[in-house]
Amino acid sequence: MEHLHTALTALADWWGKTPTYEIVWLGIGFMAQLMFSMRFIVQWIASERARRSIVPETFWYFSLVGGAMLLAYAIYRLDPVFIMGQAMGLIIYSRNIYFIRSSHKEEAAANGEAAAHSAQ
């Protein structure tokens, strides 16, 4: 029990000495990690529903938003390994979203052509 008291006292001391902007950045870091982790929850739920492994479109959007937030946090922390990892990931997430949007446009165009032909 004494260890718990010591740990809580140390945490309270740290919290009291930490500038507000550092606490805000810590909050951003935790929110970023939550956003990034949501992609796995979305993928898991979608796979369970389909009874097979799939990657839903929202996986890539959570990846992009969470990755961008984590990159901002990494830049603030000046962590070159973290910066490089998140920057490279953003390229992959963006490219997958580009493919998804292109596919949607092609499908819409094909459906428009099919509707025009059936109206004739």
PDB file of N, CA and C in Angstrom:
ATOM      1  N   MET A   1       0.821  -1.186   0.000  1.00  0.00           N
ATOM      2  CA  MET A   1       0.000   0.000   0.000  1.00  0.00           C
ATOM      3  C   MET A   1       0.869   1.256   0.000  1.00  0.00           C
ATOM      4  N   GLU A   2       2.014   1.162   0.652  1.00  0.00           N
ATOM      5  CA  GLU A   2       2.908   2.313   0.708  1.00  0.00           C
ATOM      6  C   GLU A   2       3.457   2.650  -0.676  1.00  0.00           C
ATOM      7  N   HIS A   3       3.686   1.607  -1.510  1.00  0.00           N
ATOM      8  CA  HIS A   3       4.179   1.837  -2.871  1.00  0.00           C
ATOM      9  C   HIS A   3       3.162   2.612  -3.690  1.00  0.00           C
ATOM     10  N   LEU A   4       1.895   2.271  -3.504  1.00  0.00           N
ATOM     11  CA  LEU A   4       0.830   2.976  -4.218  1.00  0.00           C
ATOM     12  C   LEU A   4       0.796   4.437  -3.791  1.00  0.00           C
ATOM     13  N   HIS A   5       0.904   4.688  -2.504  1.00  0.00           N
ATOM     14  CA  HIS A   5       0.917   6.064  -2.000  1.00  0.00           C
ATOM     15  C   HIS A   5       2.111   6.831  -2.570  1.00  0.00           C
ATOM     16  N   THR A   6       3.269   6.199  -2.607  1.00  0.00           N
ATOM     17  CA  THR A   6       4.471   6.834  -3.154  1.00  0.00           C
ATOM     18  C   THR A   6       4.291   7.149  -4.632  1.00  0.00           C
ATOM     19  N   ALA A   7       3.735   6.211  -5.374  1.00  0.00           N
ATOM     20  CA  ALA A   7       3.513   6.419  -6.810  1.00  0.00           C
ATOM     21  C   ALA A   7       2.519   7.546  -7.046  1.00  0.00           C
ATOM     22  N   LEU A   8       1.433   7.559  -6.288  1.00  0.00           N
ATOM     23  CA  LEU A   8       0.433   8.621  -6.450  1.00  0.00           C
ATOM     24  C   LEU A   8       0.988   9.985  -6.052  1.00  0.00           C
ATOM     25  N   THR A   9       1.815  10.019  -5.031  1.00  0.00           N
ATOM     26  CA  THR A   9       2.447  11.273  -4.621  1.00  0.00           C
ATOM     27  C   THR A   9       3.388  11.772  -5.710  1.00  0.00           C
ATOM     28  N   ALA A  10       4.167  10.870  -6.292  1.00  0.00           N
ATOM     29  CA  ALA A  10       5.081  11.248  -7.382  1.00  0.00           C
ATOM     30  C   ALA A  10       4.294  11.756  -8.583  1.00  0.00           C
ATOM     31  N   LEU A  11       3.189  11.100  -8.900  1.00  0.00           N
ATOM     32  CA  LEU A  11       2.350  11.533 -10.016  1.00  0.00           C
ATOM     33  C   LEU A  11       1.760  12.915  -9.739  1.00  0.00           C
ATOM     34  N   ALA A  12       1.284  13.136  -8.546  1.00  0.00           N
ATOM     35  CA  ALA A  12       0.723  14.444  -8.182  1.00  0.00           C
ATOM     36  C   ALA A  12       1.794  15.531  -8.249  1.00  0.00           C
ATOM     37  N   ASP A  13       3.002  15.228  -7.796  1.00  0.00           N
ATOM     38  CA  ASP A  13       4.105  16.195  -7.882  1.00  0.00           C
ATOM     39  C   ASP A  13       4.422  16.522  -9.334  1.00  0.00           C
ATOM     40  N   TRP A  14       4.506  15.489 -10.165  1.00  0.00           N
ATOM     41  CA  TRP A  14       4.790  15.702 -11.590  1.00  0.00           C
ATOM     42  C   TRP A  14       3.704  16.561 -12.214  1.00  0.00           C
ATOM     43  N   TRP A  15       2.442  16.215 -11.937  1.00  0.00           N
ATOM     44  CA  TRP A  15       1.307  16.941 -12.513  1.00  0.00           C
ATOM     45  C   TRP A  15       1.355  18.416 -12.106  1.00  0.00           C
ATOM     46  N   GLY A  16       1.696  18.675 -10.851  1.00  0.00           N
ATOM     47  CA  GLY A  16       1.749  20.048 -10.354  1.00  0.00           C
ATOM     48  C   GLY A  16       2.885  20.864 -10.949  1.00  0.00           C
ATOM     49  N   LYS A  17       3.975  20.219 -11.311  1.00  0.00           N
ATOM     50  CA  LYS A  17       5.149  20.912 -11.852  1.00  0.00           C
ATOM     51  C   LYS A  17       5.143  21.013 -13.371  1.00  0.00           C
ATOM     52  N   THR A  18       4.285  20.259 -14.024  1.00  0.00           N
ATOM     53  CA  THR A  18       4.282  20.219 -15.486  1.00  0.00           C
ATOM     54  C   THR A  18       3.514  21.409 -16.040  1.00  0.00           C
ATOM     55  N   PRO A  19       4.141  22.159 -16.969  1.00  0.00           N
ATOM     56  CA  PRO A  19       3.454  23.311 -17.564  1.00  0.00           C
ATOM     57  C   PRO A  19       2.203  22.876 -18.337  1.00  0.00           C
ATOM     58  N   THR A  20       1.246  23.774 -18.412  1.00  0.00           N
ATOM     59  CA  THR A  20      -0.024  23.481 -19.079  1.00  0.00           C
ATOM     60  C   THR A  20       0.178  23.025 -20.514  1.00  0.00           C
ATOM     61  N   TYR A  21       1.087  23.681 -21.256  1.00  0.00           N
ATOM     62  CA  TYR A  21       1.278  23.306 -22.659  1.00  0.00           C
ATOM     63  C   TYR A  21       1.792  21.872 -22.789  1.00  0.00           C
ATOM     64  N   GLU A  22       2.579  21.406 -21.817  1.00  0.00           N
ATOM     65  CA  GLU A  22       3.051  20.017 -21.847  1.00  0.00           C
ATOM     66  C   GLU A  22       1.894  19.048 -21.609  1.00  0.00           C
ATOM     67  N   ILE A  23       0.994  19.417 -20.714  1.00  0.00           N
ATOM     68  CA  ILE A  23      -0.170  18.571 -20.445  1.00  0.00           C
ATOM     69  C   ILE A  23      -1.078  18.532 -21.670  1.00  0.00           C
ATOM     70  N   VAL A  24      -1.228  19.679 -22.351  1.00  0.00           N
ATOM     71  CA  VAL A  24      -2.023  19.716 -23.582  1.00  0.00           C
ATOM     72  C   VAL A  24      -1.406  18.788 -24.621  1.00  0.00           C
ATOM     73  N   TRP A  25      -0.086  18.852 -24.801  1.00  0.00           N
ATOM     74  CA  TRP A  25       0.572  17.975 -25.776  1.00  0.00           C
ATOM     75  C   TRP A  25       0.468  16.503 -25.372  1.00  0.00           C
ATOM     76  N   LEU A  26       0.504  16.240 -24.099  1.00  0.00           N
ATOM     77  CA  LEU A  26       0.318  14.872 -23.628  1.00  0.00           C
ATOM     78  C   LEU A  26      -1.093  14.395 -23.982  1.00  0.00           C
ATOM     79  N   GLY A  27      -2.072  15.265 -23.798  1.00  0.00           N
ATOM     80  CA  GLY A  27      -3.447  14.939 -24.189  1.00  0.00           C
ATOM     81  C   GLY A  27      -3.564  14.686 -25.680  1.00  0.00           C
ATOM     82  N   ILE A  28      -2.891  15.507 -26.485  1.00  0.00           N
ATOM     83  CA  ILE A  28      -2.885  15.310 -27.939  1.00  0.00           C
ATOM     84  C   ILE A  28      -2.266  13.957 -28.273  1.00  0.00           C
ATOM     85  N   GLY A  29      -1.185  13.630 -27.612  1.00  0.00           N
ATOM     86  CA  GLY A  29      -0.524  12.341 -27.848  1.00  0.00           C
ATOM     87  C   GLY A  29      -1.434  11.162 -27.534  1.00  0.00           C
ATOM     88  N   PHE A  30      -2.133  11.233 -26.403  1.00  0.00           N
ATOM     89  CA  PHE A  30      -3.055  10.150 -26.047  1.00  0.00           C
ATOM     90  C   PHE A  30      -4.232  10.071 -27.017  1.00  0.00           C
ATOM     91  N   MET A  31      -4.783  11.215 -27.416  1.00  0.00           N
ATOM     92  CA  MET A  31      -5.890  11.222 -28.380  1.00  0.00           C
ATOM     93  C   MET A  31      -5.427  10.671 -29.727  1.00  0.00           C
ATOM     94  N   ALA A  32      -4.218  11.042 -30.124  1.00  0.00           N
ATOM     95  CA  ALA A  32      -3.664  10.540 -31.384  1.00  0.00           C
ATOM     96  C   ALA A  32      -3.526   9.022 -31.337  1.00  0.00           C
ATOM     97  N   GLN A  33      -3.023   8.521 -30.231  1.00  0.00           N
ATOM     98  CA  GLN A  33      -2.859   7.072 -30.103  1.00  0.00           C
ATOM     99  C   GLN A  33      -4.214   6.369 -30.110  1.00  0.00           C
ATOM    100  N   LEU A  34      -5.220   6.988 -29.489  1.00  0.00           N
ATOM    101  CA  LEU A  34      -6.566   6.418 -29.508  1.00  0.00           C
ATOM    102  C   LEU A  34      -7.112   6.366 -30.936  1.00  0.00           C
ATOM    103  N   MET A  35      -6.957   7.464 -31.690  1.00  0.00           N
ATOM    104  CA  MET A  35      -7.416   7.498 -33.082  1.00  0.00           C
ATOM    105  C   MET A  35      -6.719   6.410 -33.898  1.00  0.00           C
ATOM    106  N   PHE A  36      -5.424   6.296 -33.717  1.00  0.00           N
ATOM    107  CA  PHE A  36      -4.639   5.314 -34.456  1.00  0.00           C
ATOM    108  C   PHE A  36      -5.075   3.893 -34.092  1.00  0.00           C
ATOM    109  N   SER A  37      -5.364   3.668 -32.826  1.00  0.00           N
ATOM    110  CA  SER A  37      -5.787   2.340 -32.373  1.00  0.00           C
ATOM    111  C   SER A  37      -7.191   1.985 -32.849  1.00  0.00           C
ATOM    112  N   MET A  38      -8.028   2.973 -33.086  1.00  0.00           N
ATOM    113  CA  MET A  38      -9.395   2.718 -33.543  1.00  0.00           C
ATOM    114  C   MET A  38      -9.419   1.934 -34.847  1.00  0.00           C
ATOM    115  N   ARG A  39      -8.405   2.104 -35.667  1.00  0.00           N
ATOM    116  CA  ARG A  39      -8.385   1.398 -36.946  1.00  0.00           C
ATOM    117  C   ARG A  39      -8.368  -0.110 -36.739  1.00  0.00           C
ATOM    118  N   PHE A  40      -7.679  -0.572 -35.718  1.00  0.00           N
ATOM    119  CA  PHE A  40      -7.641  -2.007 -35.445  1.00  0.00           C
ATOM    120  C   PHE A  40      -8.981  -2.506 -34.918  1.00  0.00           C
ATOM    121  N   ILE A  41      -9.648  -1.691 -34.125  1.00  0.00           N
ATOM    122  CA  ILE A  41     -10.963  -2.069 -33.616  1.00  0.00           C
ATOM    123  C   ILE A  41     -11.957  -2.164 -34.770  1.00  0.00           C
ATOM    124  N   VAL A  42     -11.918  -1.175 -35.677  1.00  0.00           N
ATOM    125  CA  VAL A  42     -12.798  -1.179 -36.847  1.00  0.00           C
ATOM    126  C   VAL A  42     -12.529  -2.416 -37.708  1.00  0.00           C
ATOM    127  N   GLN A  43     -11.261  -2.718 -37.936  1.00  0.00           N
ATOM    128  CA  GLN A  43     -10.894  -3.876 -38.763  1.00  0.00           C
ATOM    129  C   GLN A  43     -11.337  -5.173 -38.100  1.00  0.00           C
ATOM    130  N   TRP A  44     -11.146  -5.277 -36.816  1.00  0.00           N
ATOM    131  CA  TRP A  44     -11.523  -6.481 -36.080  1.00  0.00           C
ATOM    132  C   TRP A  44     -13.034  -6.710 -36.151  1.00  0.00           C
ATOM    133  N   ILE A  45     -13.822  -5.655 -35.894  1.00  0.00           N
ATOM    134  CA  ILE A  45     -15.282  -5.780 -35.936  1.00  0.00           C
ATOM    135  C   ILE A  45     -15.745  -6.171 -37.337  1.00  0.00           C
ATOM    136  N   ALA A  46     -15.192  -5.515 -38.354  1.00  0.00           N
ATOM    137  CA  ALA A  46     -15.582  -5.828 -39.738  1.00  0.00           C
ATOM    138  C   ALA A  46     -15.241  -7.273 -40.090  1.00  0.00           C
ATOM    139  N   SER A  47     -14.085  -7.732 -39.669  1.00  0.00           N
ATOM    140  CA  SER A  47     -13.681  -9.117 -39.950  1.00  0.00           C
ATOM    141  C   SER A  47     -14.575 -10.114 -39.214  1.00  0.00           C
ATOM    142  N   GLU A  48     -14.923  -9.803 -37.975  1.00  0.00           N
ATOM    143  CA  GLU A  48     -15.810 -10.691 -37.215  1.00  0.00           C
ATOM    144  C   GLU A  48     -17.173 -10.786 -37.888  1.00  0.00           C
ATOM    145  N   ARG A  49     -17.690  -9.664 -38.342  1.00  0.00           N
ATOM    146  CA  ARG A  49     -19.002  -9.670 -39.004  1.00  0.00           C
ATOM    147  C   ARG A  49     -18.967 -10.451 -40.314  1.00  0.00           C
ATOM    148  N   ALA A  50     -17.875 -10.304 -41.057  1.00  0.00           N
ATOM    149  CA  ALA A  50     -17.752 -10.979 -42.355  1.00  0.00           C
ATOM    150  C   ALA A  50     -17.273 -12.422 -42.217  1.00  0.00           C
ATOM    151  N   ARG A  51     -16.773 -12.770 -41.033  1.00  0.00           N
ATOM    152  CA  ARG A  51     -16.212 -14.098 -40.778  1.00  0.00           C
ATOM    153  C   ARG A  51     -15.006 -14.382 -41.667  1.00  0.00           C
ATOM    154  N   ARG A  52     -14.310 -13.314 -42.075  1.00  0.00           N
ATOM    155  CA  ARG A  52     -13.065 -13.419 -42.844  1.00  0.00           C
ATOM    156  C   ARG A  52     -12.292 -12.126 -42.627  1.00  0.00           C
ATOM    157  N   SER A  53     -11.021 -12.150 -42.924  1.00  0.00           N
ATOM    158  CA  SER A  53     -10.189 -10.967 -42.724  1.00  0.00           C
ATOM    159  C   SER A  53     -10.432  -9.946 -43.834  1.00  0.00           C
ATOM    160  N   ILE A  54     -10.847  -8.758 -43.434  1.00  0.00           N
ATOM    161  CA  ILE A  54     -11.047  -7.673 -44.397  1.00  0.00           C
ATOM    162  C   ILE A  54     -10.513  -6.375 -43.812  1.00  0.00           C
ATOM    163  N   VAL A  55     -10.243  -5.411 -44.686  1.00  0.00           N
ATOM    164  CA  VAL A  55      -9.797  -4.087 -44.254  1.00  0.00           C
ATOM    165  C   VAL A  55     -10.823  -3.079 -44.773  1.00  0.00           C
ATOM    166  N   PRO A  56     -11.696  -2.575 -43.888  1.00  0.00           N
ATOM    167  CA  PRO A  56     -12.708  -1.626 -44.341  1.00  0.00           C
ATOM    168  C   PRO A  56     -12.109  -0.257 -44.656  1.00  0.00           C
ATOM    169  N   GLU A  57     -12.852   0.517 -45.417  1.00  0.00           N
ATOM    170  CA  GLU A  57     -12.409   1.855 -45.829  1.00  0.00           C
ATOM    171  C   GLU A  57     -12.077   2.739 -44.627  1.00  0.00           C
ATOM    172  N   THR A  58     -12.877   2.650 -43.566  1.00  0.00           N
ATOM    173  CA  THR A  58     -12.633   3.499 -42.395  1.00  0.00           C
ATOM    174  C   THR A  58     -11.290   3.211 -41.738  1.00  0.00           C
ATOM    175  N   PHE A  59     -10.757   2.010 -41.920  1.00  0.00           N
ATOM    176  CA  PHE A  59      -9.432   1.680 -41.398  1.00  0.00           C
ATOM    177  C   PHE A  59      -8.403   2.700 -41.893  1.00  0.00           C
ATOM    178  N   TRP A  60      -8.468   3.034 -43.196  1.00  0.00           N
ATOM    179  CA  TRP A  60      -7.490   3.943 -43.791  1.00  0.00           C
ATOM    180  C   TRP A  60      -7.703   5.376 -43.329  1.00  0.00           C
ATOM    181  N   TYR A  61      -8.952   5.772 -43.094  1.00  0.00           N
ATOM    182  CA  TYR A  61      -9.207   7.125 -42.597  1.00  0.00           C
ATOM    183  C   TYR A  61      -8.722   7.281 -41.157  1.00  0.00           C
ATOM    184  N   PHE A  62      -8.979   6.287 -40.307  1.00  0.00           N
ATOM    185  CA  PHE A  62      -8.439   6.324 -38.945  1.00  0.00           C
ATOM    186  C   PHE A  62      -6.912   6.312 -38.985  1.00  0.00           C
ATOM    187  N   SER A  63      -6.331   5.544 -39.902  1.00  0.00           N
ATOM    188  CA  SER A  63      -4.874   5.502 -40.043  1.00  0.00           C
ATOM    189  C   SER A  63      -4.330   6.876 -40.395  1.00  0.00           C
ATOM    190  N   LEU A  64      -4.970   7.542 -41.356  1.00  0.00           N
ATOM    191  CA  LEU A  64      -4.503   8.857 -41.805  1.00  0.00           C
ATOM    192  C   LEU A  64      -4.627   9.902 -40.699  1.00  0.00           C
ATOM    193  N   VAL A  65      -5.793   9.982 -40.068  1.00  0.00           N
ATOM    194  CA  VAL A  65      -6.000  10.993 -39.018  1.00  0.00           C
ATOM    195  C   VAL A  65      -5.116  10.702 -37.811  1.00  0.00           C
ATOM    196  N   GLY A  66      -5.117   9.458 -37.349  1.00  0.00           N
ATOM    197  CA  GLY A  66      -4.281   9.097 -36.205  1.00  0.00           C
ATOM    198  C   GLY A  66      -2.805   9.267 -36.502  1.00  0.00           C
ATOM    199  N   GLY A  67      -2.376   8.877 -37.708  1.00  0.00           N
ATOM    200  CA  GLY A  67      -0.974   9.034 -38.102  1.00  0.00           C
ATOM    201  C   GLY A  67      -0.556  10.492 -38.174  1.00  0.00           C
ATOM    202  N   ALA A  68      -1.442  11.349 -38.705  1.00  0.00           N
ATOM    203  CA  ALA A  68      -1.131  12.787 -38.784  1.00  0.00           C
ATOM    204  C   ALA A  68      -1.022  13.393 -37.388  1.00  0.00           C
ATOM    205  N   MET A  69      -1.924  12.985 -36.498  1.00  0.00           N
ATOM    206  CA  MET A  69      -1.858  13.485 -35.121  1.00  0.00           C
ATOM    207  C   MET A  69      -0.592  12.995 -34.420  1.00  0.00           C
ATOM    208  N   LEU A  70      -0.248  11.729 -34.621  1.00  0.00           N
ATOM    209  CA  LEU A  70       0.976  11.200 -34.013  1.00  0.00           C
ATOM    210  C   LEU A  70       2.216  11.862 -34.598  1.00  0.00           C
ATOM    211  N   LEU A  71       2.174  12.196 -35.893  1.00  0.00           N
ATOM    212  CA  LEU A  71       3.301  12.903 -36.500  1.00  0.00           C
ATOM    213  C   LEU A  71       3.473  14.277 -35.854  1.00  0.00           C
ATOM    214  N   ALA A  72       2.369  14.993 -35.632  1.00  0.00           N
ATOM    215  CA  ALA A  72       2.448  16.301 -34.963  1.00  0.00           C
ATOM    216  C   ALA A  72       3.055  16.143 -33.572  1.00  0.00           C
ATOM    217  N   TYR A  73       2.632  15.129 -32.855  1.00  0.00           N
ATOM    218  CA  TYR A  73       3.161  14.863 -31.523  1.00  0.00           C
ATOM    219  C   TYR A  73       4.649  14.519 -31.594  1.00  0.00           C
ATOM    220  N   ALA A  74       5.033  13.702 -32.565  1.00  0.00           N
ATOM    221  CA  ALA A  74       6.440  13.312 -32.725  1.00  0.00           C
ATOM    222  C   ALA A  74       7.313  14.515 -33.064  1.00  0.00           C
ATOM    223  N   ILE A  75       6.790  15.405 -33.911  1.00  0.00           N
ATOM    224  CA  ILE A  75       7.542  16.617 -34.256  1.00  0.00           C
ATOM    225  C   ILE A  75       7.719  17.482 -33.018  1.00  0.00           C
ATOM    226  N   TYR A  76       6.656  17.621 -32.237  1.00  0.00           N
ATOM    227  CA  TYR A  76       6.763  18.397 -31.002  1.00  0.00           C
ATOM    228  C   TYR A  76       7.814  17.793 -30.079  1.00  0.00           C
ATOM    229  N   ARG A  77       7.853  16.480 -29.995  1.00  0.00           N
ATOM    230  CA  ARG A  77       8.816  15.791 -29.125  1.00  0.00           C
ATOM    231  C   ARG A  77      10.211  15.695 -29.757  1.00  0.00           C
ATOM    232  N   LEU A  78      10.334  16.094 -31.014  1.00  0.00           N
ATOM    233  CA  LEU A  78      11.607  16.048 -31.751  1.00  0.00           C
ATOM    234  C   LEU A  78      12.211  14.640 -31.747  1.00  0.00           C
ATOM    235  N   ASP A  79      11.371  13.655 -32.023  1.00  0.00           N
ATOM    236  CA  ASP A  79      11.798  12.259 -32.038  1.00  0.00           C
ATOM    237  C   ASP A  79      11.946  11.809 -33.493  1.00  0.00           C
ATOM    238  N   PRO A  80      13.190  11.740 -34.011  1.00  0.00           N
ATOM    239  CA  PRO A  80      13.380  11.447 -35.434  1.00  0.00           C
ATOM    240  C   PRO A  80      12.887  10.061 -35.861  1.00  0.00           C
ATOM    241  N   VAL A  81      12.975   9.073 -34.989  1.00  0.00           N
ATOM    242  CA  VAL A  81      12.499   7.733 -35.338  1.00  0.00           C
ATOM    243  C   VAL A  81      10.976   7.745 -35.469  1.00  0.00           C
ATOM    244  N   PHE A  82      10.323   8.345 -34.522  1.00  0.00           N
ATOM    245  CA  PHE A  82       8.870   8.466 -34.512  1.00  0.00           C
ATOM    246  C   PHE A  82       8.397   9.312 -35.707  1.00  0.00           C
ATOM    247  N   ILE A  83       9.100  10.397 -35.995  1.00  0.00           N
ATOM    248  CA  ILE A  83       8.754  11.268 -37.130  1.00  0.00           C
ATOM    249  C   ILE A  83       8.842  10.488 -38.437  1.00  0.00           C
ATOM    250  N   MET A  84       9.943   9.781 -38.649  1.00  0.00           N
ATOM    251  CA  MET A  84      10.138   9.032 -39.890  1.00  0.00           C
ATOM    252  C   MET A  84       9.073   7.944 -40.042  1.00  0.00           C
ATOM    253  N   GLY A  85       8.812   7.217 -38.978  1.00  0.00           N
ATOM    254  CA  GLY A  85       7.823   6.141 -39.034  1.00  0.00           C
ATOM    255  C   GLY A  85       6.436   6.649 -39.378  1.00  0.00           C
ATOM    256  N   GLN A  86       6.013   7.726 -38.756  1.00  0.00           N
ATOM    257  CA  GLN A  86       4.676   8.261 -39.024  1.00  0.00           C
ATOM    258  C   GLN A  86       4.601   8.911 -40.399  1.00  0.00           C
ATOM    259  N   ALA A  87       5.652   9.602 -40.815  1.00  0.00           N
ATOM    260  CA  ALA A  87       5.649  10.252 -42.137  1.00  0.00           C
ATOM    261  C   ALA A  87       5.538   9.214 -43.246  1.00  0.00           C
ATOM    262  N   MET A  88       6.269   8.123 -43.122  1.00  0.00           N
ATOM    263  CA  MET A  88       6.203   7.076 -44.142  1.00  0.00           C
ATOM    264  C   MET A  88       4.811   6.434 -44.162  1.00  0.00           C
ATOM    265  N   GLY A  89       4.244   6.221 -42.992  1.00  0.00           N
ATOM    266  CA  GLY A  89       2.903   5.651 -42.918  1.00  0.00           C
ATOM    267  C   GLY A  89       1.867   6.536 -43.590  1.00  0.00           C
ATOM    268  N   LEU A  90       1.995   7.858 -43.431  1.00  0.00           N
ATOM    269  CA  LEU A  90       1.028   8.780 -44.035  1.00  0.00           C
ATOM    270  C   LEU A  90       1.003   8.652 -45.552  1.00  0.00           C
ATOM    271  N   ILE A  91       2.155   8.378 -46.137  1.00  0.00           N
ATOM    272  CA  ILE A  91       2.215   8.189 -47.598  1.00  0.00           C
ATOM    273  C   ILE A  91       1.386   6.959 -47.990  1.00  0.00           C
ATOM    274  N   ILE A  92       1.548   5.883 -47.266  1.00  0.00           N
ATOM    275  CA  ILE A  92       0.818   4.644 -47.561  1.00  0.00           C
ATOM    276  C   ILE A  92      -0.679   4.837 -47.347  1.00  0.00           C
ATOM    277  N   TYR A  93      -1.065   5.463 -46.235  1.00  0.00           N
ATOM    278  CA  TYR A  93      -2.488   5.668 -45.952  1.00  0.00           C
ATOM    279  C   TYR A  93      -3.120   6.560 -47.018  1.00  0.00           C
ATOM    280  N   SER A  94      -2.413   7.625 -47.387  1.00  0.00           N
ATOM    281  CA  SER A  94      -2.932   8.543 -48.410  1.00  0.00           C
ATOM    282  C   SER A  94      -3.104   7.833 -49.744  1.00  0.00           C
ATOM    283  N   ARG A  95      -2.150   7.004 -50.098  1.00  0.00           N
ATOM    284  CA  ARG A  95      -2.221   6.283 -51.372  1.00  0.00           C
ATOM    285  C   ARG A  95      -3.412   5.313 -51.382  1.00  0.00           C
ATOM    286  N   ASN A  96      -3.646   4.627 -50.295  1.00  0.00           N
ATOM    287  CA  ASN A  96      -4.788   3.721 -50.225  1.00  0.00           C
ATOM    288  C   ASN A  96      -6.106   4.483 -50.316  1.00  0.00           C
ATOM    289  N   ILE A  97      -6.188   5.638 -49.679  1.00  0.00           N
ATOM    290  CA  ILE A  97      -7.404   6.456 -49.778  1.00  0.00           C
ATOM    291  C   ILE A  97      -7.584   6.943 -51.207  1.00  0.00           C
ATOM    292  N   TYR A  98      -6.498   7.296 -51.882  1.00  0.00           N
ATOM    293  CA  TYR A  98      -6.571   7.697 -53.293  1.00  0.00           C
ATOM    294  C   TYR A  98      -7.154   6.558 -54.133  1.00  0.00           C
ATOM    295  N   PHE A  99      -6.664   5.336 -53.921  1.00  0.00           N
ATOM    296  CA  PHE A  99      -7.176   4.177 -54.663  1.00  0.00           C
ATOM    297  C   PHE A  99      -8.668   3.961 -54.380  1.00  0.00           C
ATOM    298  N   ILE A 100      -9.062   4.100 -53.133  1.00  0.00           N
ATOM    299  CA  ILE A 100     -10.467   3.917 -52.759  1.00  0.00           C
ATOM    300  C   ILE A 100     -11.341   4.958 -53.450  1.00  0.00           C
ATOM    301  N   ARG A 101     -10.924   6.217 -53.395  1.00  0.00           N
ATOM    302  CA  ARG A 101     -11.718   7.285 -54.027  1.00  0.00           C
ATOM    303  C   ARG A 101     -11.768   7.116 -55.541  1.00  0.00           C
ATOM    304  N   SER A 102     -10.653   6.729 -56.142  1.00  0.00           N
ATOM    305  CA  SER A 102     -10.632   6.487 -57.593  1.00  0.00           C
ATOM    306  C   SER A 102     -11.592   5.364 -57.957  1.00  0.00           C
ATOM    307  N   SER A 103     -11.609   4.324 -57.151  1.00  0.00           N
ATOM    308  CA  SER A 103     -12.502   3.191 -57.386  1.00  0.00           C
ATOM    309  C   SER A 103     -13.961   3.625 -57.286  1.00  0.00           C
ATOM    310  N   HIS A 104     -14.273   4.469 -56.296  1.00  0.00           N
ATOM    311  CA  HIS A 104     -15.644   4.972 -56.154  1.00  0.00           C
ATOM    312  C   HIS A 104     -16.057   5.790 -57.377  1.00  0.00           C
ATOM    313  N   LYS A 105     -15.141   6.622 -57.880  1.00  0.00           N
ATOM    314  CA  LYS A 105     -15.442   7.437 -59.065  1.00  0.00           C
ATOM    315  C   LYS A 105     -15.671   6.555 -60.284  1.00  0.00           C
ATOM    316  N   GLU A 106     -14.837   5.528 -60.451  1.00  0.00           N
ATOM    317  CA  GLU A 106     -14.992   4.605 -61.585  1.00  0.00           C
ATOM    318  C   GLU A 106     -16.317   3.850 -61.497  1.00  0.00           C
ATOM    319  N   GLU A 107     -16.677   3.413 -60.303  1.00  0.00           N
ATOM    320  CA  GLU A 107     -17.947   2.706 -60.115  1.00  0.00           C
ATOM    321  C   GLU A 107     -19.128   3.622 -60.410  1.00  0.00           C
ATOM    322  N   ALA A 108     -19.043   4.882 -59.960  1.00  0.00           N
ATOM    323  CA  ALA A 108     -20.124   5.838 -60.211  1.00  0.00           C
ATOM    324  C   ALA A 108     -20.261   6.108 -61.702  1.00  0.00           C
ATOM    325  N   ALA A 109     -19.128   6.247 -62.385  1.00  0.00           N
ATOM    326  CA  ALA A 109     -19.159   6.485 -63.833  1.00  0.00           C
ATOM    327  C   ALA A 109     -19.747   5.277 -64.557  1.00  0.00           C
ATOM    328  N   ALA A 110     -19.350   4.076 -64.146  1.00  0.00           N
ATOM    329  CA  ALA A 110     -19.873   2.859 -64.774  1.00  0.00           C
ATOM    330  C   ALA A 110     -21.375   2.723 -64.526  1.00  0.00           C
ATOM    331  N   ASN A 111     -21.816   3.056 -63.333  1.00  0.00           N
ATOM    332  CA  ASN A 111     -23.248   2.989 -63.019  1.00  0.00           C
ATOM    333  C   ASN A 111     -24.027   4.032 -63.805  1.00  0.00           C
ATOM    334  N   GLY A 112     -23.418   5.199 -64.011  1.00  0.00           N
ATOM    335  CA  GLY A 112     -24.058   6.248 -64.810  1.00  0.00           C
ATOM    336  C   GLY A 112     -24.206   5.826 -66.256  1.00  0.00           C
ATOM    337  N   GLU A 113     -23.184   5.186 -66.809  1.00  0.00           N
ATOM    338  CA  GLU A 113     -23.237   4.698 -68.195  1.00  0.00           C
ATOM    339  C   GLU A 113     -24.270   3.584 -68.331  1.00  0.00           C
ATOM    340  N   ALA A 114     -24.316   2.698 -67.356  1.00  0.00           N
ATOM    341  CA  ALA A 114     -25.283   1.598 -67.399  1.00  0.00           C
ATOM    342  C   ALA A 114     -26.707   2.141 -67.336  1.00  0.00           C
ATOM    343  N   ALA A 115     -26.927   3.163 -66.512  1.00  0.00           N
ATOM    344  CA  ALA A 115     -28.257   3.758 -66.401  1.00  0.00           C
ATOM    345  C   ALA A 115     -28.644   4.452 -67.695  1.00  0.00           C
ATOM    346  N   ALA A 116     -27.672   5.106 -68.345  1.00  0.00           N
ATOM    347  CA  ALA A 116     -27.942   5.799 -69.611  1.00  0.00           C
ATOM    348  C   ALA A 116     -28.302   4.797 -70.702  1.00  0.00           C
ATOM    349  N   HIS A 117     -27.614   3.660 -70.736  1.00  0.00           N
ATOM    350  CA  HIS A 117     -27.894   2.632 -71.749  1.00  0.00           C
ATOM    351  C   HIS A 117     -29.253   1.973 -71.517  1.00  0.00           C
ATOM    352  N   SER A 118     -29.621   1.773 -70.266  1.00  0.00           N
ATOM    353  CA  SER A 118     -30.904   1.123 -69.988  1.00  0.00           C
ATOM    354  C   SER A 118     -32.075   2.063 -70.258  1.00  0.00           C
ATOM    355  N   ALA A 119     -31.829   3.372 -70.236  1.00  0.00           N
ATOM    356  CA  ALA A 119     -32.891   4.348 -70.502  1.00  0.00           C
ATOM    357  C   ALA A 119     -33.178   4.460 -71.991  1.00  0.00           C
ATOM    358  N   GLN A 120     -32.258   3.985 -72.834  1.00  0.00           N
ATOM    359  CA  GLN A 120     -32.438   4.130 -74.292  1.00  0.00           C
ATOM    360  C   GLN A 120     -33.364   3.130 -74.843  1.00  0.00           C
TER     361      GLN A 120
END
